[in-house]
């Protein structure tokens, strides 16, 4: 598969966006898990 410069740039850009979205989901899950684990007395 032969890609030109524009296609490579787009591929790397979309891959970067995907990794950032994945990192946000992981950190959000960690924060939610820590909130759910906390014992809240009313």
N, C-alpha and C. Protein backbone atom coordinates (compact mmCIF):
# COMPACT_ATOMS: atom_id res chain seq x y z
N UNK A 1 0.86 -1.17 0.00
CA UNK A 1 0.00 0.00 0.00
C UNK A 1 0.90 1.23 0.00
N UNK A 2 0.77 2.03 -1.03
CA UNK A 2 1.59 3.23 -1.18
C UNK A 2 0.79 4.46 -0.78
N UNK A 3 1.29 5.21 0.20
CA UNK A 3 0.61 6.41 0.67
C UNK A 3 1.45 7.63 0.34
N UNK A 4 0.78 8.72 -0.05
CA UNK A 4 1.52 9.96 -0.26
C UNK A 4 1.62 10.72 1.06
N UNK A 5 2.31 11.83 1.03
CA UNK A 5 2.56 12.62 2.26
C UNK A 5 1.26 13.06 2.93
N UNK A 6 0.30 13.51 2.14
CA UNK A 6 -0.98 13.99 2.70
C UNK A 6 -1.72 12.86 3.40
N UNK A 7 -1.72 11.69 2.81
CA UNK A 7 -2.40 10.55 3.41
C UNK A 7 -1.70 10.10 4.70
N UNK A 8 -0.37 10.13 4.71
CA UNK A 8 0.38 9.76 5.91
C UNK A 8 0.10 10.75 7.04
N UNK A 9 0.06 12.04 6.70
CA UNK A 9 -0.22 13.07 7.71
C UNK A 9 -1.61 12.87 8.29
N UNK A 10 -2.58 12.60 7.44
CA UNK A 10 -3.95 12.37 7.90
C UNK A 10 -4.03 11.13 8.78
N UNK A 11 -3.33 10.07 8.37
CA UNK A 11 -3.33 8.83 9.13
C UNK A 11 -2.75 9.04 10.52
N UNK A 12 -1.63 9.74 10.63
CA UNK A 12 -1.00 10.01 11.93
C UNK A 12 -1.88 10.93 12.78
N UNK A 13 -2.53 11.89 12.13
CA UNK A 13 -3.41 12.80 12.87
C UNK A 13 -4.60 12.07 13.47
N UNK A 14 -5.24 11.23 12.68
CA UNK A 14 -6.39 10.46 13.17
C UNK A 14 -5.96 9.45 14.23
N UNK A 15 -4.79 8.85 14.06
CA UNK A 15 -4.27 7.92 15.07
C UNK A 15 -4.01 8.63 16.39
N UNK A 16 -3.50 9.85 16.32
CA UNK A 16 -3.27 10.64 17.52
C UNK A 16 -4.56 10.99 18.23
N UNK A 17 -5.57 11.36 17.46
CA UNK A 17 -6.88 11.67 18.04
C UNK A 17 -7.47 10.44 18.74
N UNK A 18 -7.31 9.28 18.10
CA UNK A 18 -7.82 8.04 18.68
C UNK A 18 -7.13 7.75 20.01
N UNK A 19 -5.80 7.91 20.06
CA UNK A 19 -5.06 7.65 21.30
C UNK A 19 -5.47 8.62 22.40
N UNK A 20 -5.69 9.89 22.06
CA UNK A 20 -6.13 10.86 23.06
C UNK A 20 -7.52 10.51 23.59
N UNK A 21 -8.42 10.11 22.70
CA UNK A 21 -9.76 9.71 23.14
C UNK A 21 -9.69 8.49 24.05
N UNK A 22 -8.84 7.54 23.71
CA UNK A 22 -8.68 6.35 24.53
C UNK A 22 -8.13 6.72 25.91
N UNK A 23 -7.15 7.62 25.96
CA UNK A 23 -6.58 8.05 27.23
C UNK A 23 -7.64 8.75 28.09
N UNK A 24 -8.48 9.59 27.46
CA UNK A 24 -9.53 10.27 28.20
C UNK A 24 -10.53 9.27 28.79
N UNK A 25 -10.87 8.25 28.03
CA UNK A 25 -11.80 7.24 28.54
C UNK A 25 -11.19 6.47 29.71
N UNK A 26 -9.91 6.15 29.62
CA UNK A 26 -9.25 5.41 30.69
C UNK A 26 -9.19 6.26 31.96
N UNK A 27 -8.77 7.52 31.83
CA UNK A 27 -8.70 8.39 33.01
C UNK A 27 -10.08 8.65 33.59
N UNK A 28 -11.08 8.82 32.73
CA UNK A 28 -12.45 9.00 33.22
C UNK A 28 -12.92 7.77 33.98
N UNK A 29 -12.59 6.59 33.49
CA UNK A 29 -12.95 5.35 34.18
C UNK A 29 -12.27 5.24 35.52
N UNK A 30 -11.01 5.64 35.60
CA UNK A 30 -10.29 5.61 36.87
C UNK A 30 -10.93 6.56 37.87
N UNK A 31 -11.27 7.75 37.43
CA UNK A 31 -11.90 8.74 38.32
C UNK A 31 -13.27 8.24 38.77
N UNK A 32 -14.08 7.71 37.85
CA UNK A 32 -15.39 7.19 38.24
C UNK A 32 -15.27 6.01 39.20
N UNK A 33 -14.30 5.14 38.97
CA UNK A 33 -14.12 3.99 39.86
C UNK A 33 -13.73 4.45 41.26
N UNK A 34 -12.89 5.49 41.34
CA UNK A 34 -12.50 5.97 42.67
C UNK A 34 -13.67 6.66 43.37
N UNK A 35 -14.53 7.33 42.62
CA UNK A 35 -15.71 7.96 43.22
C UNK A 35 -16.69 6.89 43.71
N UNK A 36 -16.89 5.85 42.91
CA UNK A 36 -17.82 4.80 43.28
C UNK A 36 -17.32 4.00 44.48
N UNK A 37 -16.00 3.87 44.63
CA UNK A 37 -15.43 3.11 45.72
C UNK A 37 -15.53 3.85 47.05
N UNK A 38 -15.59 5.18 46.98
CA UNK A 38 -15.62 6.00 48.20
C UNK A 38 -16.93 5.81 48.95
N UNK A 39 -16.85 5.65 50.26
CA UNK A 39 -18.02 5.47 51.09
C UNK A 39 -18.58 6.84 51.48
N UNK A 40 -19.80 7.12 51.05
CA UNK A 40 -20.41 8.42 51.30
C UNK A 40 -21.49 8.26 52.35
N UNK A 41 -21.32 8.95 53.49
CA UNK A 41 -22.32 8.93 54.57
C UNK A 41 -23.17 10.20 54.46
N UNK A 42 -24.48 10.01 54.45
CA UNK A 42 -25.38 11.16 54.37
C UNK A 42 -25.85 11.58 55.74
